[in-house]
Amino acid sequence: MIICHCQSITNHDIDAAINWMRAADPTALITPGKVYRALGKSADCGGCMPLFLSTMRKNDKMEVPMTLRGLRVRATQDIQDERRQESN
């Protein structure tokens, strides 16, 4: 199925790019921009982005690598720890 008409990208192209990137680097964080670059293309109008993202999410290799999981929680906790304490 064609996902991006501007760049003629199909769901098979997206899956192949994700599979290739994951095989090359199991810890890589895969983004739509990286998929476009892997295909040698760039986003044009952006109208395909919801369908593009949906197609990416369906790929079983799109899991966030274990080494990157939980980073957001830790970053948020650090910010809370740096706040000034309220005076009584």
C-alpha atoms as a PDB file:
ATOM      1  CA  MET A   1       0.000   0.000   0.000  1.00  0.00           C
ATOM      2  CA  ILE A   2       1.324   3.469  -0.818  1.00  0.00           C
ATOM      3  CA  ILE A   3       1.877   5.466   2.372  1.00  0.00           C
ATOM      4  CA  CYS A   4       3.492   8.619   0.960  1.00  0.00           C
ATOM      5  CA  HIS A   5       2.309   9.676  -2.483  1.00  0.00           C
ATOM      6  CA  CYS A   6       4.753  12.602  -2.728  1.00  0.00           C
ATOM      7  CA  GLN A   7       7.775  10.316  -2.378  1.00  0.00           C
ATOM      8  CA  SER A   8       6.224   7.020  -3.559  1.00  0.00           C
ATOM      9  CA  ILE A   9       6.903   5.177  -0.299  1.00  0.00           C
ATOM     10  CA  THR A  10       5.029   1.962   0.436  1.00  0.00           C
ATOM     11  CA  ASN A  11       4.454   0.103   3.685  1.00  0.00           C
ATOM     12  CA  HIS A  12       6.964  -2.496   2.454  1.00  0.00           C
ATOM     13  CA  ASP A  13       9.597   0.234   1.999  1.00  0.00           C
ATOM     14  CA  ILE A  14       9.060   1.430   5.566  1.00  0.00           C
ATOM     15  CA  ASP A  15       9.255  -2.106   6.975  1.00  0.00           C
ATOM     16  CA  ALA A  16      12.418  -2.851   4.990  1.00  0.00           C
ATOM     17  CA  ALA A  17      14.077   0.345   6.228  1.00  0.00           C
ATOM     18  CA  ILE A  18      13.172  -0.380   9.860  1.00  0.00           C
ATOM     19  CA  ASN A  19      14.372  -3.980   9.598  1.00  0.00           C
ATOM     20  CA  TRP A  20      17.637  -2.842   7.991  1.00  0.00           C
ATOM     21  CA  MET A  21      18.256  -0.178  10.655  1.00  0.00           C
ATOM     22  CA  ARG A  22      17.507  -2.576  13.506  1.00  0.00           C
ATOM     23  CA  ALA A  23      19.841  -5.207  12.022  1.00  0.00           C
ATOM     24  CA  ALA A  24      22.601  -2.607  11.622  1.00  0.00           C
ATOM     25  CA  ASP A  25      22.229  -1.214  15.159  1.00  0.00           C
ATOM     26  CA  PRO A  26      19.998  -3.027  17.681  1.00  0.00           C
ATOM     27  CA  THR A  27      20.138  -0.030  20.057  1.00  0.00           C
ATOM     28  CA  ALA A  28      19.162   2.620  17.496  1.00  0.00           C
ATOM     29  CA  LEU A  29      16.207   4.887  18.156  1.00  0.00           C
ATOM     30  CA  ILE A  30      14.260   4.766  14.887  1.00  0.00           C
ATOM     31  CA  THR A  31      12.423   7.931  13.866  1.00  0.00           C
ATOM     32  CA  PRO A  32      10.427   8.871  10.754  1.00  0.00           C
ATOM     33  CA  GLY A  33      13.290  11.120   9.655  1.00  0.00           C
ATOM     34  CA  LYS A  34      15.738   8.228   9.850  1.00  0.00           C
ATOM     35  CA  VAL A  35      13.368   6.048   7.815  1.00  0.00           C
ATOM     36  CA  TYR A  36      13.120   8.733   5.122  1.00  0.00           C
ATOM     37  CA  ARG A  37      16.932   9.085   5.049  1.00  0.00           C
ATOM     38  CA  ALA A  38      17.393   5.303   4.874  1.00  0.00           C
ATOM     39  CA  LEU A  39      15.151   5.324   1.816  1.00  0.00           C
ATOM     40  CA  GLY A  40      17.083   8.229   0.291  1.00  0.00           C
ATOM     41  CA  LYS A  41      14.058  10.506   0.455  1.00  0.00           C
ATOM     42  CA  SER A  42      12.738  13.394   2.538  1.00  0.00           C
ATOM     43  CA  ALA A  43       9.313  14.391   3.817  1.00  0.00           C
ATOM     44  CA  ASP A  44       7.498  16.779   1.508  1.00  0.00           C
ATOM     45  CA  CYS A  45       4.024  17.937   2.549  1.00  0.00           C
ATOM     46  CA  GLY A  46       3.658  15.900   5.773  1.00  0.00           C
ATOM     47  CA  GLY A  47       0.128  14.773   4.936  1.00  0.00           C
ATOM     48  CA  CYS A  48       1.218  11.151   5.169  1.00  0.00           C
ATOM     49  CA  MET A  49       2.710  11.440   8.654  1.00  0.00           C
ATOM     50  CA  PRO A  50      -0.219   9.901  10.613  1.00  0.00           C
ATOM     51  CA  LEU A  51      -0.288   6.890   8.271  1.00  0.00           C
ATOM     52  CA  PHE A  52       3.522   6.794   8.156  1.00  0.00           C
ATOM     53  CA  LEU A  53       3.714   6.630  11.972  1.00  0.00           C
ATOM     54  CA  SER A  54       0.940   4.047  12.144  1.00  0.00           C
ATOM     55  CA  THR A  55       2.837   1.869   9.677  1.00  0.00           C
ATOM     56  CA  MET A  56       6.035   2.250  11.684  1.00  0.00           C
ATOM     57  CA  ARG A  57       4.278   1.247  14.922  1.00  0.00           C
ATOM     58  CA  LYS A  58       2.995  -1.962  13.328  1.00  0.00           C
ATOM     59  CA  ASN A  59       6.555  -3.204  12.720  1.00  0.00           C
ATOM     60  CA  ASP A  60       7.589  -5.685  15.397  1.00  0.00           C
ATOM     61  CA  LYS A  61      11.144  -4.301  15.415  1.00  0.00           C
ATOM     62  CA  MET A  62      10.008  -0.837  16.544  1.00  0.00           C
ATOM     63  CA  GLU A  63      10.353  -1.590  20.250  1.00  0.00           C
ATOM     64  CA  VAL A  64      12.464   0.874  22.184  1.00  0.00           C
ATOM     65  CA  PRO A  65      15.788  -0.808  23.046  1.00  0.00           C
ATOM     66  CA  MET A  66      16.130  -1.848  26.695  1.00  0.00           C
ATOM     67  CA  THR A  67      19.105   0.493  27.173  1.00  0.00           C
ATOM     68  CA  LEU A  68      16.887   3.488  26.334  1.00  0.00           C
ATOM     69  CA  ARG A  69      13.818   2.550  28.366  1.00  0.00           C
ATOM     70  CA  GLY A  70      13.064   4.602  31.456  1.00  0.00           C
ATOM     71  CA  LEU A  71      15.245   7.572  30.505  1.00  0.00           C
ATOM     72  CA  ARG A  72      12.321   9.988  30.503  1.00  0.00           C
ATOM     73  CA  VAL A  73      11.276   8.969  34.012  1.00  0.00           C
ATOM     74  CA  ARG A  74      14.796   9.582  35.361  1.00  0.00           C
ATOM     75  CA  ALA A  75      15.062  12.949  33.623  1.00  0.00           C
ATOM     76  CA  THR A  76      11.733  14.038  35.109  1.00  0.00           C
ATOM     77  CA  GLN A  77      12.794  12.938  38.585  1.00  0.00           C
ATOM     78  CA  ASP A  78      16.023  14.944  38.328  1.00  0.00           C
ATOM     79  CA  ILE A  79      14.061  18.094  37.507  1.00  0.00           C
ATOM     80  CA  GLN A  80      11.785  17.614  40.507  1.00  0.00           C
ATOM     81  CA  ASP A  81      14.806  17.153  42.797  1.00  0.00           C
ATOM     82  CA  GLU A  82      16.287  20.483  41.661  1.00  0.00           C
ATOM     83  CA  ARG A  83      13.294  22.589  42.667  1.00  0.00           C
ATOM     84  CA  ARG A  84      13.602  24.938  45.588  1.00  0.00           C
ATOM     85  CA  GLN A  85      12.046  23.769  48.792  1.00  0.00           C
ATOM     86  CA  GLU A  86       9.132  25.807  50.016  1.00  0.00           C
ATOM     87  CA  SER A  87       9.831  27.802  53.171  1.00  0.00           C
ATOM     88  CA  ASN A  88       7.506  27.369  56.119  1.00  0.00           C
END
